Amino acid sequence: MDGTVYAHGSLELQTLQPKINFLATATVPGFCERPLCPRLCRLFTVLALGSMTQAALLSRHTPSIQAWLERFPSVERESLLARALVRASVEACEVVGHCFLPSPLRPHYRFSLHLVSQLLGSLQLLPPRVGSWGFVDCPDHQEHLRRVSGLRGTHLAIMIAMRNMVRLWLHEAQRTFCDRLDSPRERSFCANLLLEVAQNVFCCRPAPQSLGKGYEEEMEEKVSEVESEGELAQWEDVSSSGSETEEEGDPHGLQVTTGSPANNSAPSIAPVKRETTGSLSQKIGQEEGKGTSSYKSQLNRSKNRWQKTAQVDLISPLLLPVLLLRPQEKPSDLVFSQELMLGSNSESPNLYLERQWESLEEQLATSAAQLKLSPHLARCHSMAQHVARLVRVLARPWQHGFLLSGARGTGRRTAITLAANICQARLLHLPCGSEEAILQCLREASWHAGMLGKPVALLVPRGVDLTTLHRLLALATSGSFPDQYTEADLDNIEEHLLRDNLSVKQNIKKEMLLQRFYQQVCSHLHMFILIGDDQAHKQLPSTLFLRLLQLAIASIDHYEPWDHDSLVSVVQHHLEGTQSPPLDDEVQAKAMLIADSLKYPDLQASVPSVAKAMALIHLSAASYQGHLCPELPLVTPKTFLDFLDTFVLLQQQLTLQIKNKAQR
């Protein structure tokens, strides 16, 4: 092939190497930042692809999800559940993409169908060989499920397994769609949207009119209705029938779209609620005087489906709405995570299960103390959230993180340090200095990931140039970038691979051996890119920013300064664990005889008021610093902890002064 292309740096016209047999581009030739040579563009064959339909997505993803569900012993109706998971993911992507549109100030508000694949893939972090009770972390939670559902034994285990799958989808959907949003209000609104999608698809509730509206239209709070005893009895009857009434190969599956069958390819955002034949007959009887025929046609369609498929699969919800969340539980309270403890135990592996935030925060505080970090950093709920999300990224191959922040000093580096040590990954900081130092760091990361086969967490700071970002993109997708290795380096890699892997044939081709090495690099190298909000919409080219978003599709997390509640929580944990110098009875009696101003100060009694005051002082200083010098990290979580330590030190000194004065 005698083609030409412009060089990377100087735009010099260069001839393509003879080993290139074909070349493809996913956009219009000449549209990107570095256009192709016009003499090469005329050789392209343009293929215009149509829009992906819901039917195509169901046929693509349902078989793999169903095969994964069949590995769970307690999960039944795998075909229906698989279709429901895929359909819920597609509808969630459409609804969230309609409500949160990208803009120059929010270029990361992009929700493509790639997120559907990512969401369905993240579900498979759940281990299949764990019993249904292994998901529940609280005994009171188990008793609540028994009391509300009225089920026992095997039927209860089946219901809990179905409930766990729905809660897992709701958690992973929040990680996929909500974490990238800028404000807590937007994230809460998005979580409620996802909850409505889950109730619509899995619980057969009709979609509310507010579903799919813009974020500016405020969504009214809704209290989940408690099912009547008749509905609970119907659920128990359905569960008691077991899987014997389920008919494999259901041709209709979850056909809940309205209209003619020809319109089934269009995704349905607001499906109608499926009803039993009996309920339809009652409605027809009630509407006889009105002369309407809509229910009659619906009854005829219901009878036709009745003859073709099992009644239970078509009329019963996968889960009752009252069982999805606990009383007073919010969607954001859900968390599936590994344990946030240092080290691993081969006898009890660190599994991805449903956890409680209280236990995760305690584990993170213990891990921070072992790493000689302040354990009070982990007492902030937002810090535990960010670390759990980073651990989730490190748990799967080919995953990367995109860490956004509008201010400095939000704890991103501390969170990455904690997550890397919990997952036993080697943490490397990419330098911003000379090019040789950057290349050396990338070679070290590639060697550790490709040769040793161990996870590597590469922290990419804000100040890297565009050339380095392009190299990182190539390294993450292909395992190497141009001019990364010399011929001597490649020979050294080949020699070590043949020596360390005895199972590899000695006569294997060098190209195949290097390809294995590159695949190992892509699998075990995890990049965490720190990007500021101003850098996202001002400094980075649009095409490069979109490629970074696509690379870090697993976790696009937005970091914010600690809010008032987080600051109060940190102060309370810090002061409640502070031990004041003890005063014996005699000294205390003398101190009581001194003037009231010299009495021993009771710190523990004033912890709530002191915590609120210190939180307000920190927020006031942060606001003042944001107006004067926003580029300097002067008010950070670490400075707040220094403020706490200074207060405790002065309080102890004051206590000692009172003690010494009382002894005179």
Foldseek 3Di string as FASTA:
>chain_A
DFFWFQDDPPRHIDTDDPVDDDDDDPDQAPPDPGGGDPVVNVVDDDDDDDDAFLVNQCVVFLVVQLVLQVLAPLEPPSNLVSSLLLLLLVLLLQLQCLAFDADLLRNLSDRDCVLSVLLSVLLSLFDRPDFLCVQDDDPVLVVVLCVQLVDDDSLSSNQSVLLQSLLSSLLSSLQQNQQQDADPLSSQVSSVLSLLSSCCRQVLDWRDPCGSDYPVPDDDDDDDDRDDPVLSVVSVVLSVVPCPLFDPPLVCRPQQADDDPVPSRHRDNGGHGAADLVVLVVVCVVCVVVPDCPSVVVSVVVVVSVVRGGRSSRHGGNHHSCSNDDPPDGSVQWAWAWALAFDADPVDGGGGHTDGLVNNLVRLLVLCVVVVHHSLVSLQSVLSVLLRLLLSQQVFFLAAAEEEEAFPFLCPVVSNVSNCRRQVAAEDEQDQDDPVSNLVSVVVLLCCQLLVVAAHEYEYEARHDPVVLVQVLCCLPFVGDPPSDDPVRLVVQVVSVCVVDVVDDPPDDSVVSVSSSSVSSNTRYYYYYYHYSCCLSPVDDSVSSVSVCVSNSNGYHYGYARDLVSQLSSQLVVQVPDDADDDDPQLQVLQVVDDPVLHQDDCNVCSNVVSNVLSVVLVVVVVVCCVPPRRDPPRHPVVSVVVSVVVSVVSNVSNVVSSVVSVD
